[in-house]
Amino acid sequence: MKNKHLLHTLSGSTLLETITASVIFMIIFVLAMDTLTRLMVYDNEDADYLLIETDLNKCRRQICMNDVTPDEDIHEYEWGRIDVKISTYKENIYQIEMIATTNKQHRQIRFHFLKANE
C-alpha cells in the first residue's frame, strides 16, 4: 500500500520539480544572454561598425545602379573613408573592391563583388 502512495506522490512532485527547474533555467539563460550582449557591445572599442556597414551598403547600391568603368574613388565619412577600386575581371564584368578604414583604430573592412554592365 505504501508503495502505491509513494508512486503517486513522486509523479506529481516530479512534474512540479521539472517545471520549477525549467523556469530557473530560462531565467538563467535570459540573464546570460543579456550579459553576453552587454559584453559584446562594451568589448567593441570601435562601435561604428553598424554605421560602417550601412555606408558600405549605400556605396555598393550606388555603384550597382550605374554602369562602371575601371576607376578608383575615395568616399569620406565621419568615421573614416571607403576606398573603391574597380578593375576589369572579364569582358563586360568588373571586380569592385571596397575597403572601409576607420579613423580611430585604423581597422579595415573589405568587401569584394562582381558587377556586369548591361
Protein backbone atom coordinates (compact mmCIF):
# COMPACT_ATOMS: atom_id res chain seq x y z
CA MET A 1 0.00 0.00 0.00
CA LYS A 2 2.75 2.42 0.87
CA ASN A 3 4.46 1.85 -2.47
CA LYS A 4 1.37 2.92 -4.45
CA HIS A 5 1.00 6.07 -2.40
CA LEU A 6 4.71 6.87 -2.84
CA LEU A 7 4.49 6.29 -6.59
CA HIS A 8 1.60 8.74 -6.99
CA THR A 9 3.36 11.34 -4.86
CA LEU A 10 6.57 11.10 -6.87
CA SER A 11 4.96 11.64 -10.28
CA GLY A 12 3.22 14.82 -9.13
CA SER A 13 6.27 16.22 -7.41
CA THR A 14 8.48 15.25 -10.36
CA LEU A 15 6.31 17.30 -12.70
CA LEU A 16 6.40 20.24 -10.29
CA GLU A 17 10.17 19.94 -9.94
CA THR A 18 10.56 19.80 -13.73
CA ILE A 19 8.50 22.95 -14.22
CA THR A 20 10.40 24.75 -11.46
CA ALA A 21 13.76 23.69 -12.91
CA SER A 22 12.65 24.81 -16.39
CA VAL A 23 11.69 28.24 -15.07
CA ILE A 24 15.02 28.56 -13.26
CA PHE A 25 16.95 27.52 -16.40
CA MET A 26 15.01 30.04 -18.50
CA ILE A 27 15.78 32.85 -16.05
CA ILE A 28 19.47 31.94 -16.02
CA PHE A 29 19.50 31.75 -19.84
CA VAL A 30 17.90 35.20 -20.19
CA LEU A 31 20.38 36.71 -17.73
CA ALA A 32 23.31 35.06 -19.51
CA MET A 33 22.18 36.28 -22.92
CA ASP A 34 21.72 39.81 -21.60
CA THR A 35 25.18 39.74 -20.03
CA LEU A 36 26.74 38.32 -23.19
CA THR A 37 25.12 41.03 -25.30
CA ARG A 38 26.40 43.76 -23.00
CA LEU A 39 29.90 42.28 -23.00
CA MET A 40 29.97 42.18 -26.79
CA VAL A 41 28.91 45.84 -27.02
CA TYR A 42 31.34 47.08 -24.37
CA ASP A 43 34.21 44.93 -25.60
CA ASN A 44 33.96 46.53 -29.04
CA GLU A 45 36.17 49.64 -28.83
CA ASP A 46 35.07 50.87 -32.23
CA ALA A 47 31.27 50.98 -32.00
CA ASP A 48 30.80 52.41 -35.50
CA TYR A 49 30.50 49.03 -37.25
CA LEU A 50 26.77 49.38 -37.85
CA LEU A 51 27.30 52.82 -39.37
CA ILE A 52 30.18 51.50 -41.49
CA GLU A 53 28.06 48.59 -42.77
CA THR A 54 25.24 50.99 -43.66
CA ASP A 55 27.59 53.28 -45.58
CA LEU A 56 29.19 50.31 -47.35
CA ASN A 57 25.74 49.11 -48.46
CA LYS A 58 24.78 52.60 -49.67
CA CYS A 59 28.01 52.86 -51.64
CA ARG A 60 27.51 49.37 -53.11
CA ARG A 61 23.94 50.18 -54.17
CA GLN A 62 25.12 53.42 -55.78
CA ILE A 63 27.78 51.53 -57.75
CA CYS A 64 25.32 48.81 -58.81
CA MET A 65 22.78 51.33 -60.13
CA ASN A 66 25.20 52.77 -62.70
CA ASP A 67 27.45 51.33 -65.39
CA VAL A 68 31.01 51.04 -64.13
CA THR A 69 34.40 51.52 -65.71
CA PRO A 70 37.83 50.80 -64.24
CA ASP A 71 38.42 53.56 -61.73
CA GLU A 72 39.48 54.38 -58.16
CA ASP A 73 37.48 56.57 -55.83
CA ILE A 74 37.52 57.67 -52.17
CA HIS A 75 34.39 58.42 -50.13
CA GLU A 76 34.99 60.35 -46.87
CA TYR A 77 32.77 59.91 -43.80
CA GLU A 78 32.87 61.00 -40.16
CA TRP A 79 34.06 57.55 -39.04
CA GLY A 80 36.72 57.22 -41.78
CA ARG A 81 36.72 56.53 -45.50
CA ILE A 82 35.82 53.96 -48.14
CA ASP A 83 38.32 53.32 -50.93
CA VAL A 84 36.65 51.92 -54.04
CA LYS A 85 38.74 50.24 -56.72
CA ILE A 86 37.06 48.99 -59.90
CA SER A 87 39.07 46.73 -62.18
CA THR A 88 38.24 44.62 -65.23
CA TYR A 89 37.53 40.97 -64.38
CA LYS A 90 36.39 39.68 -67.78
CA GLU A 91 34.74 41.21 -70.79
CA ASN A 92 31.92 43.45 -69.54
CA ILE A 93 32.37 42.14 -65.96
CA TYR A 94 34.11 44.24 -63.34
CA GLN A 95 35.53 43.44 -59.92
CA ILE A 96 34.77 46.02 -57.26
CA GLU A 97 36.87 46.13 -54.10
CA MET A 98 35.66 48.34 -51.27
CA ILE A 99 37.92 48.96 -48.25
CA ALA A 100 36.48 50.82 -45.26
CA THR A 101 39.17 52.24 -42.97
CA THR A 102 38.27 53.76 -39.59
CA ASN A 103 39.89 56.91 -38.21
CA LYS A 104 40.09 55.72 -34.59
CA GLN A 105 41.72 52.29 -34.71
CA HIS A 106 42.71 52.20 -38.40
CA ARG A 107 40.81 48.94 -38.77
CA GLN A 108 39.70 47.79 -42.18
CA ILE A 109 36.63 46.06 -43.52
CA ARG A 110 36.97 44.69 -47.04
CA PHE A 111 34.11 43.93 -49.41
CA HIS A 112 34.54 42.40 -52.89
CA PHE A 113 31.90 41.77 -55.53
CA LEU A 114 31.47 41.44 -59.28
CA LYS A 115 29.22 43.57 -61.46
CA ALA A 116 28.27 43.14 -65.09
CA ASN A 117 27.29 46.14 -67.21
CA GLU A 118 24.11 45.58 -69.15
